[in-house]
Amino acid sequence: MIRTRLTLTPRTGQTESVLELYRRRDVLARSLAVPGCVEVEISIPDRLQPGDERIEVAALWVDESAYEQWLRDPGRAADVAALRELLVAQTGAIGATEISRVAARNTRDDSCRADGSTE
């Protein structure tokens, strides 16, 4: 298994707009529908310094070929184009991507819901 982490840097004041774009375009559900995507989430730091806006999109994939299938998804290109307007300009990619091999993993099914609750 691999975990991917995409770090996005929204323009000042655009964090909520980026999150709304992800909701409106159903990006998380579409990526989860790719065979081999196990889980996906968006995180934002609890405490940010003014002007230091970051969003992390993380996903767990059975292997790199599943992740590559997501990268080739036709809807993803439109997502990237829409995101570029909301993000600090980057050369090439929309953010820094880190790919790591999962060395060990332990989880509970349905242990945490999208709203952060555990019940």
C-alpha atoms as a PDB file:
ATOM      1  CA  MET A   1       0.000   0.000   0.000  1.00  0.00           C
ATOM      2  CA  ILE A   2       1.020   3.596  -0.526  1.00  0.00           C
ATOM      3  CA  ARG A   3      -0.124   6.860   1.015  1.00  0.00           C
ATOM      4  CA  THR A   4      -0.149  10.035  -1.040  1.00  0.00           C
ATOM      5  CA  ARG A   5      -0.112  13.516   0.476  1.00  0.00           C
ATOM      6  CA  LEU A   6      -0.818  16.577  -1.617  1.00  0.00           C
ATOM      7  CA  THR A   7      -0.130  19.884   0.123  1.00  0.00           C
ATOM      8  CA  LEU A   8      -2.086  22.786  -1.317  1.00  0.00           C
ATOM      9  CA  THR A   9      -1.393  26.442  -0.526  1.00  0.00           C
ATOM     10  CA  PRO A  10      -4.528  28.531  -1.026  1.00  0.00           C
ATOM     11  CA  ARG A  11      -4.247  32.219  -1.797  1.00  0.00           C
ATOM     12  CA  THR A  12      -4.931  34.353   1.272  1.00  0.00           C
ATOM     13  CA  GLY A  13      -8.544  33.913   2.357  1.00  0.00           C
ATOM     14  CA  GLN A  14      -9.294  31.114  -0.134  1.00  0.00           C
ATOM     15  CA  THR A  15      -9.121  28.020   2.126  1.00  0.00           C
ATOM     16  CA  GLU A  16     -12.913  27.717   2.396  1.00  0.00           C
ATOM     17  CA  SER A  17     -13.246  28.224  -1.374  1.00  0.00           C
ATOM     18  CA  VAL A  18     -10.856  25.321  -1.995  1.00  0.00           C
ATOM     19  CA  LEU A  19     -12.803  23.111   0.427  1.00  0.00           C
ATOM     20  CA  GLU A  20     -16.065  24.125  -1.256  1.00  0.00           C
ATOM     21  CA  LEU A  21     -14.625  23.253  -4.669  1.00  0.00           C
ATOM     22  CA  TYR A  22     -13.745  19.775  -3.366  1.00  0.00           C
ATOM     23  CA  ARG A  23     -17.310  19.387  -2.043  1.00  0.00           C
ATOM     24  CA  ARG A  24     -19.040  20.797  -5.130  1.00  0.00           C
ATOM     25  CA  ARG A  25     -17.019  18.695  -7.571  1.00  0.00           C
ATOM     26  CA  ASP A  26     -17.282  15.614  -5.281  1.00  0.00           C
ATOM     27  CA  VAL A  27     -13.525  15.085  -5.604  1.00  0.00           C
ATOM     28  CA  LEU A  28     -13.146  12.786  -2.591  1.00  0.00           C
ATOM     29  CA  ALA A  29     -15.976  10.470  -3.638  1.00  0.00           C
ATOM     30  CA  ARG A  30     -14.710  10.361  -7.215  1.00  0.00           C
ATOM     31  CA  SER A  31     -11.192   9.445  -6.105  1.00  0.00           C
ATOM     32  CA  LEU A  32     -12.567   6.818  -3.713  1.00  0.00           C
ATOM     33  CA  ALA A  33     -14.483   5.299  -6.642  1.00  0.00           C
ATOM     34  CA  VAL A  34     -11.185   4.506  -8.393  1.00  0.00           C
ATOM     35  CA  PRO A  35     -10.442   0.804  -7.926  1.00  0.00           C
ATOM     36  CA  GLY A  36      -7.640   0.526  -5.408  1.00  0.00           C
ATOM     37  CA  CYS A  37      -8.378   3.710  -3.453  1.00  0.00           C
ATOM     38  CA  VAL A  38      -8.898   2.649   0.165  1.00  0.00           C
ATOM     39  CA  GLU A  39      -9.478   6.008   1.861  1.00  0.00           C
ATOM     40  CA  VAL A  40      -9.140   9.724   1.232  1.00  0.00           C
ATOM     41  CA  GLU A  41      -9.307  12.790   3.464  1.00  0.00           C
ATOM     42  CA  ILE A  42      -8.702  16.521   3.581  1.00  0.00           C
ATOM     43  CA  SER A  43      -7.008  18.088   6.600  1.00  0.00           C
ATOM     44  CA  ILE A  44      -6.324  21.660   7.618  1.00  0.00           C
ATOM     45  CA  PRO A  45      -4.129  22.653  10.562  1.00  0.00           C
ATOM     46  CA  ASP A  46      -6.015  23.699  13.714  1.00  0.00           C
ATOM     47  CA  ARG A  47      -3.844  26.733  14.282  1.00  0.00           C
ATOM     48  CA  LEU A  48      -2.407  28.705  11.422  1.00  0.00           C
ATOM     49  CA  GLN A  49      -0.457  31.906  11.502  1.00  0.00           C
ATOM     50  CA  PRO A  50      -2.110  34.712   9.520  1.00  0.00           C
ATOM     51  CA  GLY A  51      -1.286  34.285   5.839  1.00  0.00           C
ATOM     52  CA  ASP A  52      -0.106  30.681   6.352  1.00  0.00           C
ATOM     53  CA  GLU A  53      -2.889  28.715   4.717  1.00  0.00           C
ATOM     54  CA  ARG A  54      -2.387  25.006   3.960  1.00  0.00           C
ATOM     55  CA  ILE A  55      -4.584  22.089   3.024  1.00  0.00           C
ATOM     56  CA  GLU A  56      -3.431  18.484   2.951  1.00  0.00           C
ATOM     57  CA  VAL A  57      -5.191  15.894   0.820  1.00  0.00           C
ATOM     58  CA  ALA A  58      -4.171  12.369   1.794  1.00  0.00           C
ATOM     59  CA  ALA A  59      -5.196   9.049   0.284  1.00  0.00           C
ATOM     60  CA  LEU A  60      -4.391   5.397   0.825  1.00  0.00           C
ATOM     61  CA  TRP A  61      -3.997   3.267  -2.297  1.00  0.00           C
ATOM     62  CA  VAL A  62      -3.428  -0.461  -2.744  1.00  0.00           C
ATOM     63  CA  ASP A  63      -0.528   0.312  -5.083  1.00  0.00           C
ATOM     64  CA  GLU A  64       0.997   2.991  -7.272  1.00  0.00           C
ATOM     65  CA  SER A  65      -0.928   1.870 -10.364  1.00  0.00           C
ATOM     66  CA  ALA A  66      -4.227   2.664  -8.609  1.00  0.00           C
ATOM     67  CA  TYR A  67      -2.929   6.145  -7.788  1.00  0.00           C
ATOM     68  CA  GLU A  68      -1.743   6.621 -11.371  1.00  0.00           C
ATOM     69  CA  GLN A  69      -5.228   5.696 -12.585  1.00  0.00           C
ATOM     70  CA  TRP A  70      -6.583   8.587 -10.489  1.00  0.00           C
ATOM     71  CA  LEU A  71      -3.992  10.939 -11.962  1.00  0.00           C
ATOM     72  CA  ARG A  72      -5.274  10.015 -15.453  1.00  0.00           C
ATOM     73  CA  ASP A  73      -8.937  10.532 -14.515  1.00  0.00           C
ATOM     74  CA  PRO A  74     -10.482  12.979 -17.021  1.00  0.00           C
ATOM     75  CA  GLY A  75     -12.371  14.870 -14.299  1.00  0.00           C
ATOM     76  CA  ARG A  76      -9.165  15.433 -12.355  1.00  0.00           C
ATOM     77  CA  ALA A  77      -7.763  17.686 -15.091  1.00  0.00           C
ATOM     78  CA  ALA A  78     -10.810  19.951 -14.733  1.00  0.00           C
ATOM     79  CA  ASP A  79     -10.378  19.895 -10.929  1.00  0.00           C
ATOM     80  CA  VAL A  80      -6.758  21.016 -11.290  1.00  0.00           C
ATOM     81  CA  ALA A  81      -7.719  23.828 -13.662  1.00  0.00           C
ATOM     82  CA  ALA A  82     -10.368  25.109 -11.239  1.00  0.00           C
ATOM     83  CA  LEU A  83      -7.997  24.840  -8.264  1.00  0.00           C
ATOM     84  CA  ARG A  84      -5.244  26.863  -9.951  1.00  0.00           C
ATOM     85  CA  GLU A  85      -7.374  30.005  -9.620  1.00  0.00           C
ATOM     86  CA  LEU A  86      -7.593  29.537  -5.830  1.00  0.00           C
ATOM     87  CA  LEU A  87      -4.004  28.507  -5.081  1.00  0.00           C
ATOM     88  CA  VAL A  88      -0.682  30.281  -4.765  1.00  0.00           C
ATOM     89  CA  ALA A  89       1.017  29.937  -8.154  1.00  0.00           C
ATOM     90  CA  GLN A  90       3.184  26.819  -8.505  1.00  0.00           C
ATOM     91  CA  THR A  91       5.452  25.818 -11.354  1.00  0.00           C
ATOM     92  CA  GLY A  92       3.857  22.766 -12.949  1.00  0.00           C
ATOM     93  CA  ALA A  93       1.961  20.893 -10.217  1.00  0.00           C
ATOM     94  CA  ILE A  94      -0.746  22.450  -8.029  1.00  0.00           C
ATOM     95  CA  GLY A  95       1.105  21.468  -4.860  1.00  0.00           C
ATOM     96  CA  ALA A  96       3.826  19.322  -3.370  1.00  0.00           C
ATOM     97  CA  THR A  97       3.088  15.600  -3.508  1.00  0.00           C
ATOM     98  CA  GLU A  98       4.689  13.031  -1.257  1.00  0.00           C
ATOM     99  CA  ILE A  99       4.291   9.294  -1.836  1.00  0.00           C
ATOM    100  CA  SER A 100       5.235   6.871   0.913  1.00  0.00           C
ATOM    101  CA  ARG A 101       5.041   3.111   1.316  1.00  0.00           C
ATOM    102  CA  VAL A 102       2.844   2.038   4.223  1.00  0.00           C
ATOM    103  CA  ALA A 103       5.070  -0.082   6.447  1.00  0.00           C
ATOM    104  CA  ALA A 104       2.397  -0.976   9.028  1.00  0.00           C
ATOM    105  CA  ARG A 105      -1.266  -0.132   9.496  1.00  0.00           C
ATOM    106  CA  ASN A 106      -3.992  -0.768  12.049  1.00  0.00           C
ATOM    107  CA  THR A 107      -7.532   0.568  11.759  1.00  0.00           C
ATOM    108  CA  ARG A 108     -11.116   0.215  12.922  1.00  0.00           C
ATOM    109  CA  ASP A 109     -13.855   0.164  10.301  1.00  0.00           C
ATOM    110  CA  ASP A 110     -16.025   3.303  10.361  1.00  0.00           C
ATOM    111  CA  SER A 111     -14.165   4.590  13.425  1.00  0.00           C
ATOM    112  CA  CYS A 112     -14.343   8.227  12.371  1.00  0.00           C
ATOM    113  CA  ARG A 113     -16.993   9.942  10.285  1.00  0.00           C
ATOM    114  CA  ALA A 114     -16.568  12.846   7.891  1.00  0.00           C
ATOM    115  CA  ASP A 115     -17.791  15.320  10.525  1.00  0.00           C
ATOM    116  CA  GLY A 116     -15.058  14.165  12.923  1.00  0.00           C
ATOM    117  CA  SER A 117     -17.405  12.289  15.252  1.00  0.00           C
ATOM    118  CA  THR A 118     -16.657   8.754  16.373  1.00  0.00           C
ATOM    119  CA  GLU A 119     -20.188   7.627  17.205  1.00  0.00           C
END
